[in-house]
PDB file of N, CA and C in Angstrom:
ATOM      1  N   MET A   1      -7.508  18.493  35.768  1.00  0.00           N
ATOM      2  CA  MET A   1      -5.921  18.887  36.298  1.00  0.00           C
ATOM      3  C   MET A   1      -5.716  18.345  37.737  1.00  0.00           C
ATOM      4  N   THR A   2      -5.016  17.780  38.019  1.00  0.00           N
ATOM      5  CA  THR A   2      -5.329  17.394  39.512  1.00  0.00           C
ATOM      6  C   THR A   2      -4.447  18.201  39.549  1.00  0.00           C
ATOM      7  N   PRO A   3      -4.380  18.430  41.271  1.00  0.00           N
ATOM      8  CA  PRO A   3      -3.579  19.945  41.953  1.00  0.00           C
ATOM      9  C   PRO A   3      -2.732  19.414  42.557  1.00  0.00           C
ATOM     10  N   THR A   4      -1.394  19.696  42.817  1.00  0.00           N
ATOM     11  CA  THR A   4      -0.193  19.333  43.583  1.00  0.00           C
ATOM     12  C   THR A   4      -0.197  19.333  44.800  1.00  0.00           C
ATOM     13  N   ARG A   5       0.741  18.621  45.737  1.00  0.00           N
ATOM     14  CA  ARG A   5       0.692  18.870  47.084  1.00  0.00           C
ATOM     15  C   ARG A   5       0.986  20.038  47.304  1.00  0.00           C
ATOM     16  N   GLU A   6       1.599  20.739  46.681  1.00  0.00           N
ATOM     17  CA  GLU A   6       2.493  22.304  47.401  1.00  0.00           C
ATOM     18  C   GLU A   6       1.121  22.940  46.791  1.00  0.00           C
ATOM     19  N   GLN A   7      -0.088  23.130  45.438  1.00  0.00           N
ATOM     20  CA  GLN A   7      -1.214  23.818  45.635  1.00  0.00           C
ATOM     21  C   GLN A   7      -2.302  23.540  46.614  1.00  0.00           C
ATOM     22  N   ILE A   8      -2.302  22.281  47.196  1.00  0.00           N
ATOM     23  CA  ILE A   8      -3.551  21.900  48.093  1.00  0.00           C
ATOM     24  C   ILE A   8      -2.810  22.809  49.246  1.00  0.00           C
ATOM     25  N   GLU A   9      -1.509  22.598  49.864  1.00  0.00           N
ATOM     26  CA  GLU A   9      -1.144  23.326  51.175  1.00  0.00           C
ATOM     27  C   GLU A   9      -1.389  24.741  50.869  1.00  0.00           C
ATOM     28  N   GLN A  10      -1.399  25.525  49.360  1.00  0.00           N
ATOM     29  CA  GLN A  10      -1.597  26.723  49.896  1.00  0.00           C
ATOM     30  C   GLN A  10      -3.095  27.457  49.947  1.00  0.00           C
ATOM     31  N   ILE A  11      -3.761  25.933  50.037  1.00  0.00           N
ATOM     32  CA  ILE A  11      -5.054  26.466  50.696  1.00  0.00           C
ATOM     33  C   ILE A  11      -5.428  26.620  51.426  1.00  0.00           C
ATOM     34  N   PRO A  12      -6.194  27.715  52.369  1.00  0.00           N
ATOM     35  CA  PRO A  12      -6.089  27.698  53.839  1.00  0.00           C
ATOM     36  C   PRO A  12      -6.627  26.468  54.116  1.00  0.00           C
ATOM     37  N   GLU A  13      -6.025  25.922  55.618  1.00  0.00           N
ATOM     38  CA  GLU A  13      -7.130  24.888  56.124  1.00  0.00           C
ATOM     39  C   GLU A  13      -8.214  24.938  56.093  1.00  0.00           C
ATOM     40  N   VAL A  14      -9.055  25.527  56.330  1.00  0.00           N
ATOM     41  CA  VAL A  14     -10.321  26.076  56.765  1.00  0.00           C
ATOM     42  C   VAL A  14     -11.066  25.751  55.989  1.00  0.00           C
ATOM     43  N   TYR A  15     -10.600  26.075  54.578  1.00  0.00           N
ATOM     44  CA  TYR A  15     -11.248  25.724  53.407  1.00  0.00           C
ATOM     45  C   TYR A  15     -10.952  23.981  52.827  1.00  0.00           C
ATOM     46  N   ARG A  16      -9.708  23.710  53.544  1.00  0.00           N
ATOM     47  CA  ARG A  16      -9.824  22.030  53.006  1.00  0.00           C
ATOM     48  C   ARG A  16     -10.560  21.229  53.732  1.00  0.00           C
ATOM     49  N   GLU A  17     -10.411  21.898  55.103  1.00  0.00           N
ATOM     50  CA  GLU A  17     -11.420  20.893  56.138  1.00  0.00           C
ATOM     51  C   GLU A  17     -12.892  21.631  55.990  1.00  0.00           C
ATOM     52  N   PHE A  18     -13.426  22.088  55.359  1.00  0.00           N
ATOM     53  CA  PHE A  18     -14.840  22.461  54.974  1.00  0.00           C
ATOM     54  C   PHE A  18     -15.032  21.038  53.828  1.00  0.00           C
ATOM     55  N   LEU A  19     -13.901  21.169  52.917  1.00  0.00           N
ATOM     56  CA  LEU A  19     -14.634  20.066  51.893  1.00  0.00           C
ATOM     57  C   LEU A  19     -14.387  18.859  51.706  1.00  0.00           C
ATOM     58  N   LEU A  20     -13.605  18.312  52.727  1.00  0.00           N
ATOM     59  CA  LEU A  20     -13.544  17.376  53.763  1.00  0.00           C
ATOM     60  C   LEU A  20     -14.919  16.814  54.120  1.00  0.00           C
ATOM     61  N   VAL A  21     -15.709  17.810  54.688  1.00  0.00           N
ATOM     62  CA  VAL A  21     -16.768  17.250  55.260  1.00  0.00           C
ATOM     63  C   VAL A  21     -17.607  16.843  54.252  1.00  0.00           C
ATOM     64  N   LEU A  22     -17.171  17.034  53.118  1.00  0.00           N
ATOM     65  CA  LEU A  22     -18.000  16.766  51.884  1.00  0.00           C
ATOM     66  C   LEU A  22     -17.883  15.377  50.922  1.00  0.00           C
ATOM     67  N   LYS A  23     -16.729  14.947  51.949  1.00  0.00           N
ATOM     68  CA  LYS A  23     -16.353  13.861  50.587  1.00  0.00           C
ATOM     69  C   LYS A  23     -17.301  12.452  51.124  1.00  0.00           C
ATOM     70  N   PRO A  24     -18.124  12.639  51.534  1.00  0.00           N
ATOM     71  CA  PRO A  24     -19.130  11.488  52.060  1.00  0.00           C
ATOM     72  C   PRO A  24     -20.064  11.673  50.695  1.00  0.00           C
ATOM     73  N   ILE A  25     -19.939  12.398  49.921  1.00  0.00           N
ATOM     74  CA  ILE A  25     -21.314  12.415  49.004  1.00  0.00           C
ATOM     75  C   ILE A  25     -20.435  11.633  47.776  1.00  0.00           C
ATOM     76  N   PRO A  26     -18.984  12.143  47.456  1.00  0.00           N
ATOM     77  CA  PRO A  26     -18.538  11.489  46.131  1.00  0.00           C
ATOM     78  C   PRO A  26     -18.266   9.806  46.442  1.00  0.00           C
ATOM     79  N   ASP A  27     -17.754   9.753  47.838  1.00  0.00           N
ATOM     80  CA  ASP A  27     -17.541   8.105  48.068  1.00  0.00           C
ATOM     81  C   ASP A  27     -18.728   7.268  47.958  1.00  0.00           C
ATOM     82  N   SER A  28     -20.172   8.113  48.367  1.00  0.00           N
ATOM     83  CA  SER A  28     -21.586   7.321  48.909  1.00  0.00           C
ATOM     84  C   SER A  28     -21.872   6.702  47.065  1.00  0.00           C
ATOM     85  N   ARG A  29     -21.162   7.295  45.750  1.00  0.00           N
ATOM     86  CA  ARG A  29     -21.542   7.130  44.694  1.00  0.00           C
ATOM     87  C   ARG A  29     -21.678   5.647  44.417  1.00  0.00           C
ATOM     88  N   GLY A  30     -23.086   5.225  43.879  1.00  0.00           N
ATOM     89  CA  GLY A  30     -23.353   3.661  43.997  1.00  0.00           C
ATOM     90  C   GLY A  30     -23.273   3.248  44.924  1.00  0.00           C
ATOM     91  N   ALA A  31     -23.152   3.806  46.073  1.00  0.00           N
ATOM     92  CA  ALA A  31     -23.590   2.403  46.849  1.00  0.00           C
ATOM     93  C   ALA A  31     -25.332   2.576  46.992  1.00  0.00           C
ATOM     94  N   VAL A  32     -25.211   1.629  48.097  1.00  0.00           N
ATOM     95  CA  VAL A  32     -27.128   1.217  47.872  1.00  0.00           C
ATOM     96  C   VAL A  32     -27.589   2.659  48.434  1.00  0.00           C
ATOM     97  N   LEU A  33     -26.977   3.089  49.762  1.00  0.00           N
ATOM     98  CA  LEU A  33     -27.098   4.608  50.492  1.00  0.00           C
ATOM     99  C   LEU A  33     -26.690   5.496  49.723  1.00  0.00           C
ATOM    100  N   GLU A  34     -27.055   6.424  48.511  1.00  0.00           N
ATOM    101  CA  GLU A  34     -26.090   7.442  48.140  1.00  0.00           C
ATOM    102  C   GLU A  34     -26.581   8.286  49.346  1.00  0.00           C
ATOM    103  N   ILE A  35     -24.958   9.567  49.337  1.00  0.00           N
ATOM    104  CA  ILE A  35     -25.388  10.621  50.266  1.00  0.00           C
ATOM    105  C   ILE A  35     -25.491  11.894  49.062  1.00  0.00           C
ATOM    106  N   ASN A  36     -26.271  12.586  49.127  1.00  0.00           N
ATOM    107  CA  ASN A  36     -26.695  13.620  47.648  1.00  0.00           C
ATOM    108  C   ASN A  36     -26.355  15.004  48.390  1.00  0.00           C
ATOM    109  N   GLY A  37     -25.838  14.785  49.376  1.00  0.00           N
ATOM    110  CA  GLY A  37     -25.981  16.299  50.070  1.00  0.00           C
ATOM    111  C   GLY A  37     -25.486  15.973  52.060  1.00  0.00           C
ATOM    112  N   ILE A  38     -24.542  17.711  51.986  1.00  0.00           N
ATOM    113  CA  ILE A  38     -24.522  17.137  54.020  1.00  0.00           C
ATOM    114  C   ILE A  38     -24.899  18.893  54.561  1.00  0.00           C
ATOM    115  N   PRO A  39     -25.426  19.036  55.539  1.00  0.00           N
ATOM    116  CA  PRO A  39     -26.221  19.365  55.792  1.00  0.00           C
ATOM    117  C   PRO A  39     -25.235  20.577  56.450  1.00  0.00           C
ATOM    118  N   LEU A  40     -25.335  22.156  56.117  1.00  0.00           N
ATOM    119  CA  LEU A  40     -24.225  23.129  56.543  1.00  0.00           C
ATOM    120  C   LEU A  40     -23.882  22.947  57.914  1.00  0.00           C
ATOM    121  N   GLY A  41     -25.013  22.376  58.635  1.00  0.00           N
ATOM    122  CA  GLY A  41     -24.767  22.503  60.250  1.00  0.00           C
ATOM    123  C   GLY A  41     -23.558  21.391  60.625  1.00  0.00           C
ATOM    124  N   LYS A  42     -23.664  20.036  59.961  1.00  0.00           N
ATOM    125  CA  LYS A  42     -22.748  19.084  60.044  1.00  0.00           C
ATOM    126  C   LYS A  42     -21.455  19.955  59.704  1.00  0.00           C
ATOM    127  N   VAL A  43     -21.479  20.729  58.327  1.00  0.00           N
ATOM    128  CA  VAL A  43     -20.013  21.271  58.394  1.00  0.00           C
ATOM    129  C   VAL A  43     -19.811  22.576  59.740  1.00  0.00           C
ATOM    130  N   PHE A  44     -20.414  23.245  60.056  1.00  0.00           N
ATOM    131  CA  PHE A  44     -20.752  24.161  61.235  1.00  0.00           C
ATOM    132  C   PHE A  44     -20.025  23.197  62.493  1.00  0.00           C
ATOM    133  N   ASN A  45     -21.069  22.095  62.919  1.00  0.00           N
ATOM    134  CA  ASN A  45     -20.073  21.271  63.551  1.00  0.00           C
ATOM    135  C   ASN A  45     -19.022  20.781  63.685  1.00  0.00           C
ATOM    136  N   ALA A  46     -18.337  20.730  62.303  1.00  0.00           N
ATOM    137  CA  ALA A  46     -16.638  20.313  62.071  1.00  0.00           C
ATOM    138  C   ALA A  46     -16.016  21.673  62.485  1.00  0.00           C
ATOM    139  N   LEU A  47     -16.166  22.385  62.025  1.00  0.00           N
ATOM    140  CA  LEU A  47     -15.203  23.608  61.895  1.00  0.00           C
ATOM    141  C   LEU A  47     -15.191  24.554  63.253  1.00  0.00           C
ATOM    142  N   ALA A  48     -16.642  24.711  63.634  1.00  0.00           N
ATOM    143  CA  ALA A  48     -16.618  25.550  65.084  1.00  0.00           C
ATOM    144  C   ALA A  48     -15.220  25.244  65.753  1.00  0.00           C
ATOM    145  N   PRO A  49     -15.911  23.773  66.611  1.00  0.00           N
ATOM    146  CA  PRO A  49     -14.843  23.934  67.790  1.00  0.00           C
ATOM    147  C   PRO A  49     -13.175  24.139  67.497  1.00  0.00           C
ATOM    148  N   LYS A  50     -12.855  23.898  66.373  1.00  0.00           N
ATOM    149  CA  LYS A  50     -11.457  24.313  65.856  1.00  0.00           C
ATOM    150  C   LYS A  50     -11.185  25.496  65.255  1.00  0.00           C
ATOM    151  N   TYR A  51     -12.073  26.350  65.306  1.00  0.00           N
ATOM    152  CA  TYR A  51     -12.042  27.959  64.521  1.00  0.00           C
ATOM    153  C   TYR A  51     -12.868  28.705  65.596  1.00  0.00           C
ATOM    154  N   GLY A  52     -13.690  28.567  66.316  1.00  0.00           N
ATOM    155  CA  GLY A  52     -14.579  29.242  66.710  1.00  0.00           C
ATOM    156  C   GLY A  52     -15.183  30.161  65.996  1.00  0.00           C
ATOM    157  N   TYR A  53     -15.986  29.485  64.846  1.00  0.00           N
ATOM    158  CA  TYR A  53     -16.836  30.035  64.450  1.00  0.00           C
ATOM    159  C   TYR A  53     -18.141  30.081  64.050  1.00  0.00           C
ATOM    160  N   THR A  54     -19.203  31.069  63.746  1.00  0.00           N
ATOM    161  CA  THR A  54     -20.668  30.963  63.867  1.00  0.00           C
ATOM    162  C   THR A  54     -21.186  30.618  62.969  1.00  0.00           C
ATOM    163  N   PRO A  55     -22.542  30.181  62.451  1.00  0.00           N
ATOM    164  CA  PRO A  55     -22.902  29.843  61.767  1.00  0.00           C
ATOM    165  C   PRO A  55     -23.114  30.321  60.367  1.00  0.00           C
ATOM    166  N   SER A  56     -22.694  31.829  60.749  1.00  0.00           N
ATOM    167  CA  SER A  56     -22.677  33.204  59.444  1.00  0.00           C
ATOM    168  C   SER A  56     -21.333  33.015  58.993  1.00  0.00           C
ATOM    169  N   HIS A  57     -19.729  32.882  59.775  1.00  0.00           N
ATOM    170  CA  HIS A  57     -19.037  32.463  59.294  1.00  0.00           C
ATOM    171  C   HIS A  57     -19.010  31.275  58.652  1.00  0.00           C
ATOM    172  N   VAL A  58     -19.109  30.226  58.469  1.00  0.00           N
ATOM    173  CA  VAL A  58     -19.347  28.646  57.800  1.00  0.00           C
ATOM    174  C   VAL A  58     -20.180  29.522  56.748  1.00  0.00           C
ATOM    175  N   ARG A  59     -21.544  30.168  56.860  1.00  0.00           N
ATOM    176  CA  ARG A  59     -21.816  30.503  55.277  1.00  0.00           C
ATOM    177  C   ARG A  59     -20.950  31.255  54.317  1.00  0.00           C
ATOM    178  N   ALA A  60     -20.267  32.576  55.381  1.00  0.00           N
ATOM    179  CA  ALA A  60     -19.375  33.471  54.109  1.00  0.00           C
ATOM    180  C   ALA A  60     -18.219  32.079  53.676  1.00  0.00           C
ATOM    181  N   LEU A  61     -17.965  31.477  54.417  1.00  0.00           N
ATOM    182  CA  LEU A  61     -17.052  30.035  53.884  1.00  0.00           C
ATOM    183  C   LEU A  61     -17.410  29.509  52.407  1.00  0.00           C
ATOM    184  N   ALA A  62     -18.746  29.192  52.735  1.00  0.00           N
ATOM    185  CA  ALA A  62     -19.849  28.349  51.444  1.00  0.00           C
ATOM    186  C   ALA A  62     -19.682  29.347  50.319  1.00  0.00           C
ATOM    187  N   VAL A  63     -19.928  30.822  50.663  1.00  0.00           N
ATOM    188  CA  VAL A  63     -19.692  31.233  49.423  1.00  0.00           C
ATOM    189  C   VAL A  63     -18.581  31.729  48.527  1.00  0.00           C
ATOM    190  N   GLU A  64     -17.430  32.317  49.628  1.00  0.00           N
ATOM    191  CA  GLU A  64     -16.180  31.974  48.629  1.00  0.00           C
ATOM    192  C   GLU A  64     -16.340  30.449  48.022  1.00  0.00           C
ATOM    193  N   LEU A  65     -16.508  29.548  48.915  1.00  0.00           N
ATOM    194  CA  LEU A  65     -16.433  28.123  47.614  1.00  0.00           C
ATOM    195  C   LEU A  65     -17.279  28.150  46.783  1.00  0.00           C
ATOM    196  N   GLN A  66     -18.270  28.603  46.541  1.00  0.00           N
ATOM    197  CA  GLN A  66     -19.000  28.648  45.487  1.00  0.00           C
ATOM    198  C   GLN A  66     -18.477  29.577  44.085  1.00  0.00           C
ATOM    199  N   LYS A  67     -17.986  31.228  44.828  1.00  0.00           N
ATOM    200  CA  LYS A  67     -17.450  31.736  43.939  1.00  0.00           C
ATOM    201  C   LYS A  67     -16.080  31.271  42.765  1.00  0.00           C
ATOM    202  N   ASN A  68     -15.688  30.427  43.725  1.00  0.00           N
ATOM    203  CA  ASN A  68     -14.400  29.857  42.942  1.00  0.00           C
ATOM    204  C   ASN A  68     -14.900  28.494  42.561  1.00  0.00           C
ATOM    205  N   GLY A  69     -16.366  28.054  42.215  1.00  0.00           N
ATOM    206  CA  GLY A  69     -16.631  26.788  41.772  1.00  0.00           C
ATOM    207  C   GLY A  69     -16.378  25.084  42.136  1.00  0.00           C
ATOM    208  N   LEU A  70     -16.333  25.438  43.180  1.00  0.00           N
ATOM    209  CA  LEU A  70     -15.874  23.896  44.047  1.00  0.00           C
ATOM    210  C   LEU A  70     -17.329  23.690  45.015  1.00  0.00           C
ATOM    211  N   ILE A  71     -18.327  24.726  44.879  1.00  0.00           N
ATOM    212  CA  ILE A  71     -19.597  23.577  46.030  1.00  0.00           C
ATOM    213  C   ILE A  71     -20.268  24.597  44.682  1.00  0.00           C
ATOM    214  N   ASN A  72     -21.487  23.723  44.928  1.00  0.00           N
ATOM    215  CA  ASN A  72     -23.349  24.787  44.458  1.00  0.00           C
ATOM    216  C   ASN A  72     -23.037  25.321  45.494  1.00  0.00           C
ATOM    217  N   PRO A  73     -24.305  26.118  44.951  1.00  0.00           N
ATOM    218  CA  PRO A  73     -25.619  27.030  45.905  1.00  0.00           C
ATOM    219  C   PRO A  73     -26.031  26.605  47.270  1.00  0.00           C
ATOM    220  N   VAL A  74     -25.706  26.924  48.245  1.00  0.00           N
ATOM    221  CA  VAL A  74     -26.795  25.633  50.009  1.00  0.00           C
ATOM    222  C   VAL A  74     -28.254  26.186  49.072  1.00  0.00           C
ATOM    223  N   ASP A  75     -28.603  24.816  49.030  1.00  0.00           N
ATOM    224  CA  ASP A  75     -29.828  24.915  48.998  1.00  0.00           C
ATOM    225  C   ASP A  75     -30.789  25.531  50.221  1.00  0.00           C
ATOM    226  N   ALA A  76     -32.185  25.186  49.628  1.00  0.00           N
ATOM    227  CA  ALA A  76     -33.105  25.935  50.554  1.00  0.00           C
ATOM    228  C   ALA A  76     -33.257  25.363  52.268  1.00  0.00           C
ATOM    229  N   LEU A  77     -32.914  23.863  52.274  1.00  0.00           N
ATOM    230  CA  LEU A  77     -32.913  23.045  52.732  1.00  0.00           C
ATOM    231  C   LEU A  77     -31.824  23.277  53.717  1.00  0.00           C
ATOM    232  N   GLY A  78     -30.729  24.027  52.985  1.00  0.00           N
ATOM    233  CA  GLY A  78     -29.028  24.105  53.886  1.00  0.00           C
ATOM    234  C   GLY A  78     -28.396  23.194  53.558  1.00  0.00           C
ATOM    235  N   PHE A  79     -28.337  22.266  52.594  1.00  0.00           N
ATOM    236  CA  PHE A  79     -27.681  21.113  52.052  1.00  0.00           C
ATOM    237  C   PHE A  79     -26.401  21.991  51.156  1.00  0.00           C
ATOM    238  N   VAL A  80     -25.230  21.281  51.658  1.00  0.00           N
ATOM    239  CA  VAL A  80     -24.465  21.524  50.139  1.00  0.00           C
ATOM    240  C   VAL A  80     -23.735  20.382  50.159  1.00  0.00           C
ATOM    241  N   THR A  81     -23.375  21.111  48.165  1.00  0.00           N
ATOM    242  CA  THR A  81     -22.813  19.200  47.555  1.00  0.00           C
ATOM    243  C   THR A  81     -21.603  20.253  46.740  1.00  0.00           C
ATOM    244  N   PRO A  82     -20.740  19.105  46.672  1.00  0.00           N
ATOM    245  CA  PRO A  82     -19.579  19.833  45.416  1.00  0.00           C
ATOM    246  C   PRO A  82     -19.907  19.649  44.174  1.00  0.00           C
ATOM    247  N   THR A  83     -19.352  20.757  43.456  1.00  0.00           N
ATOM    248  CA  THR A  83     -19.437  20.449  41.840  1.00  0.00           C
ATOM    249  C   THR A  83     -18.238  19.341  41.705  1.00  0.00           C
ATOM    250  N   PRO A  84     -18.423  18.994  40.252  1.00  0.00           N
ATOM    251  CA  PRO A  84     -17.579  18.249  39.836  1.00  0.00           C
ATOM    252  C   PRO A  84     -15.887  18.772  39.958  1.00  0.00           C
ATOM    253  N   LYS A  85     -15.588  19.707  39.639  1.00  0.00           N
ATOM    254  CA  LYS A  85     -14.891  20.443  40.420  1.00  0.00           C
ATOM    255  C   LYS A  85     -13.952  20.716  41.235  1.00  0.00           C
ATOM    256  N   GLY A  86     -15.731  20.321  42.457  1.00  0.00           N
ATOM    257  CA  GLY A  86     -15.090  20.336  44.204  1.00  0.00           C
ATOM    258  C   GLY A  86     -14.433  18.789  44.400  1.00  0.00           C
ATOM    259  N   GLU A  87     -15.187  18.294  43.548  1.00  0.00           N
ATOM    260  CA  GLU A  87     -14.834  16.753  44.117  1.00  0.00           C
ATOM    261  C   GLU A  87     -13.478  16.615  43.500  1.00  0.00           C
ATOM    262  N   ASP A  88     -13.309  16.798  42.530  1.00  0.00           N
ATOM    263  CA  ASP A  88     -11.929  16.259  42.054  1.00  0.00           C
ATOM    264  C   ASP A  88     -11.277  16.884  43.110  1.00  0.00           C
ATOM    265  N   LEU A  89     -11.443  18.225  43.778  1.00  0.00           N
ATOM    266  CA  LEU A  89     -10.220  18.674  44.522  1.00  0.00           C
ATOM    267  C   LEU A  89     -10.562  17.723  45.707  1.00  0.00           C
ATOM    268  N   ILE A  90     -11.500  17.912  46.359  1.00  0.00           N
ATOM    269  CA  ILE A  90     -11.638  16.643  47.592  1.00  0.00           C
ATOM    270  C   ILE A  90     -10.801  15.487  47.925  1.00  0.00           C
ATOM    271  N   ALA A  91     -10.730  14.864  46.410  1.00  0.00           N
ATOM    272  CA  ALA A  91     -10.003  13.582  45.968  1.00  0.00           C
ATOM    273  C   ALA A  91      -8.736  13.760  46.427  1.00  0.00           C
ATOM    274  N   ALA A  92      -7.994  14.944  45.630  1.00  0.00           N
ATOM    275  CA  ALA A  92      -6.606  15.392  46.096  1.00  0.00           C
ATOM    276  C   ALA A  92      -6.338  15.909  47.349  1.00  0.00           C
ATOM    277  N   ILE A  93      -6.976  16.596  47.746  1.00  0.00           N
ATOM    278  CA  ILE A  93      -6.900  16.878  49.426  1.00  0.00           C
ATOM    279  C   ILE A  93      -6.909  15.661  50.025  1.00  0.00           C
ATOM    280  N   ALA A  94      -8.061  14.636  50.109  1.00  0.00           N
ATOM    281  CA  ALA A  94      -7.982  13.134  50.546  1.00  0.00           C
ATOM    282  C   ALA A  94      -6.643  12.358  50.492  1.00  0.00           C
ATOM    283  N   GLY A  95      -6.308  12.355  49.181  1.00  0.00           N
ATOM    284  CA  GLY A  95      -5.216  11.738  48.822  1.00  0.00           C
ATOM    285  C   GLY A  95      -3.466  11.878  49.526  1.00  0.00           C
ATOM    286  N   ALA A  96      -3.974  13.821  49.965  1.00  0.00           N
ATOM    287  CA  ALA A  96      -2.828  13.883  49.797  1.00  0.00           C
ATOM    288  C   ALA A  96      -2.395  14.138  51.609  1.00  0.00           C
ATOM    289  N   ARG A  97      -3.351  13.906  52.394  1.00  0.00           N
ATOM    290  CA  ARG A  97      -3.576  13.745  53.801  1.00  0.00           C
ATOM    291  C   ARG A  97      -2.212  12.686  54.212  1.00  0.00           C
ATOM    292  N   GLU A  98      -1.865  12.483  55.416  1.00  0.00           N
ATOM    293  CA  GLU A  98      -1.157  11.309  55.616  1.00  0.00           C
ATOM    294  C   GLU A  98      -2.126  10.603  56.268  1.00  0.00           C
ATOM    295  N   PRO A  99      -2.039   9.061  56.215  1.00  0.00           N
ATOM    296  CA  PRO A  99      -3.386   8.380  56.827  1.00  0.00           C
ATOM    297  C   PRO A  99      -2.786   8.719  58.354  1.00  0.00           C
ATOM    298  N   GLU A 100      -4.009   8.576  59.115  1.00  0.00           N
ATOM    299  CA  GLU A 100      -3.866   8.476  60.952  1.00  0.00           C
ATOM    300  C   GLU A 100      -3.433   6.793  60.905  1.00  0.00           C
ATOM    301  N   PRO A 101      -2.356   6.419  61.715  1.00  0.00           N
ATOM    302  CA  PRO A 101      -2.307   4.905  62.399  1.00  0.00           C
ATOM    303  C   PRO A 101      -3.573   4.619  62.942  1.00  0.00           C
ATOM    304  N   ILE A 102      -3.860   3.428  62.940  1.00  0.00           N
ATOM    305  CA  ILE A 102      -4.845   3.229  63.501  1.00  0.00           C
ATOM    306  C   ILE A 102      -4.225   1.881  64.142  1.00  0.00           C
ATOM    307  N   THR A 103      -4.813   1.962  66.357  1.00  0.00           N
ATOM    308  CA  THR A 103      -4.859   0.813  66.662  1.00  0.00           C
ATOM    309  C   THR A 103      -5.759   0.648  67.421  1.00  0.00           C
ATOM    310  N   ILE A 104      -6.195  -0.973  67.732  1.00  0.00           N
ATOM    311  CA  ILE A 104      -7.083  -1.503  68.322  1.00  0.00           C
ATOM    312  C   ILE A 104      -6.523  -1.762  69.634  1.00  0.00           C
ATOM    313  N   PRO A 105      -6.856  -1.422  70.684  1.00  0.00           N
ATOM    314  CA  PRO A 105      -6.337  -1.918  72.041  1.00  0.00           C
ATOM    315  C   PRO A 105      -6.566  -3.627  71.734  1.00  0.00           C
ATOM    316  N   HIS A 106      -6.391  -4.326  72.555  1.00  0.00           N
ATOM    317  CA  HIS A 106      -6.319  -6.075  73.023  1.00  0.00           C
ATOM    318  C   HIS A 106      -7.617  -6.070  74.089  1.00  0.00           C
ATOM    319  N   PHE A 107      -8.781  -6.703  73.772  1.00  0.00           N
ATOM    320  CA  PHE A 107      -9.493  -6.687  74.091  1.00  0.00           C
ATOM    321  C   PHE A 107      -9.200  -8.132  75.555  1.00  0.00           C
ATOM    322  N   GLN A 108      -9.411  -7.774  76.802  1.00  0.00           N
ATOM    323  CA  GLN A 108      -8.836  -8.528  77.859  1.00  0.00           C
ATOM    324  C   GLN A 108     -10.445  -9.145  78.599  1.00  0.00           C
ATOM    325  N   SER A 109     -10.631  -9.940  77.997  1.00  0.00           N
ATOM    326  CA  SER A 109     -11.564 -10.767  78.676  1.00  0.00           C
ATOM    327  C   SER A 109     -11.688 -11.461  79.864  1.00  0.00           C
ATOM    328  N   ARG A 110     -10.739 -11.926  80.338  1.00  0.00           N
ATOM    329  CA  ARG A 110     -10.638 -12.770  81.328  1.00  0.00           C
ATOM    330  C   ARG A 110     -10.310 -11.586  82.706  1.00  0.00           C
ATOM    331  N   LYS A 111     -10.072 -10.376  82.395  1.00  0.00           N
ATOM    332  CA  LYS A 111      -9.963  -9.611  83.948  1.00  0.00           C
ATOM    333  C   LYS A 111     -11.346  -8.719  84.171  1.00  0.00           C
ATOM    334  N   ARG A 112     -12.035  -8.611  82.898  1.00  0.00           N
ATOM    335  CA  ARG A 112     -13.472  -8.617  82.809  1.00  0.00           C
ATOM    336  C   ARG A 112     -14.841  -9.647  83.130  1.00  0.00           C
ATOM    337  N   GLY A 113     -14.291 -10.729  83.372  1.00  0.00           N
ATOM    338  CA  GLY A 113     -15.358 -11.561  83.606  1.00  0.00           C
ATOM    339  C   GLY A 113     -16.004 -12.245  82.301  1.00  0.00           C
ATOM    340  N   LEU A 114     -15.475 -11.777  81.112  1.00  0.00           N
ATOM    341  CA  LEU A 114     -16.086 -12.092  80.194  1.00  0.00           C
ATOM    342  C   LEU A 114     -15.121 -13.177  79.477  1.00  0.00           C
ATOM    343  N   VAL A 115     -16.393 -14.058  78.388  1.00  0.00           N
ATOM    344  CA  VAL A 115     -15.665 -15.149  78.202  1.00  0.00           C
ATOM    345  C   VAL A 115     -15.898 -15.057  76.757  1.00  0.00           C
ATOM    346  N   SER A 116     -15.707 -15.359  75.495  1.00  0.00           N
ATOM    347  CA  SER A 116     -15.621 -15.161  74.123  1.00  0.00           C
ATOM    348  C   SER A 116     -15.919 -16.505  73.504  1.00  0.00           C
ATOM    349  N   GLN A 117     -17.441 -16.244  72.822  1.00  0.00           N
ATOM    350  CA  GLN A 117     -18.218 -17.482  72.625  1.00  0.00           C
ATOM    351  C   GLN A 117     -18.145 -17.418  71.319  1.00  0.00           C
ATOM    352  N   GLY A 118     -16.970 -17.042  70.507  1.00  0.00           N
ATOM    353  CA  GLY A 118     -17.084 -16.869  69.077  1.00  0.00           C
ATOM    354  C   GLY A 118     -16.647 -15.817  68.572  1.00  0.00           C
ATOM    355  N   PRO A 119     -16.398 -14.822  67.484  1.00  0.00           N
ATOM    356  CA  PRO A 119     -15.770 -14.029  66.726  1.00  0.00           C
ATOM    357  C   PRO A 119     -17.047 -12.612  67.211  1.00  0.00           C
ATOM    358  N   SER A 120     -17.918 -12.763  67.368  1.00  0.00           N
ATOM    359  CA  SER A 120     -18.780 -11.692  68.119  1.00  0.00           C
ATOM    360  C   SER A 120     -19.661 -11.837  68.871  1.00  0.00           C
ATOM    361  N   THR A 121     -19.870 -12.809  69.504  1.00  0.00           N
ATOM    362  CA  THR A 121     -20.473 -13.365  70.717  1.00  0.00           C
ATOM    363  C   THR A 121     -19.891 -12.616  72.651  1.00  0.00           C
ATOM    364  N   LEU A 122     -20.334 -12.618  72.762  1.00  0.00           N
ATOM    365  CA  LEU A 122     -19.674 -12.779  74.607  1.00  0.00           C
ATOM    366  C   LEU A 122     -20.961 -12.648  75.444  1.00  0.00           C
ATOM    367  N   ILE A 123     -20.161 -13.627  76.495  1.00  0.00           N
ATOM    368  CA  ILE A 123     -21.342 -13.989  77.716  1.00  0.00           C
ATOM    369  C   ILE A 123     -20.917 -13.479  78.844  1.00  0.00           C
ATOM    370  N   GLN A 124     -21.649 -13.482  79.523  1.00  0.00           N
ATOM    371  CA  GLN A 124     -21.190 -12.679  81.059  1.00  0.00           C
ATOM    372  C   GLN A 124     -21.397 -13.560  82.142  1.00  0.00           C
ATOM    373  N   ARG A 125     -20.139 -14.143  82.725  1.00  0.00           N
ATOM    374  CA  ARG A 125     -20.230 -15.325  83.437  1.00  0.00           C
ATOM    375  C   ARG A 125     -19.979 -15.032  85.135  1.00  0.00           C
TER     376      ARG A 125
END
């Protein structure tokens, strides 16, 4: 059963962000380079600046997610993987987020002395 937007919003933000760090795992299924786990250090790097968490705090978050059946136990090398239930929640969280608008600035080639020689080649003059 897919959770509703209201149910997703009831999950504390830090857990939603933790799970979104794991999103490359299900997204890479069937790709040439399949991601089988995310290092706990990467989760720490994603959460520490915003929340001020230490590695011990991130491990405690992982334990809570594991207790709720959303991630598998952290393996001996420190990698985290979602369970099928966790993958469903990750997809729901990712789908509930409003996509951020992407803006690409115009490249001012004449001001910098660069001349375009095709779609991806630049020559300095």
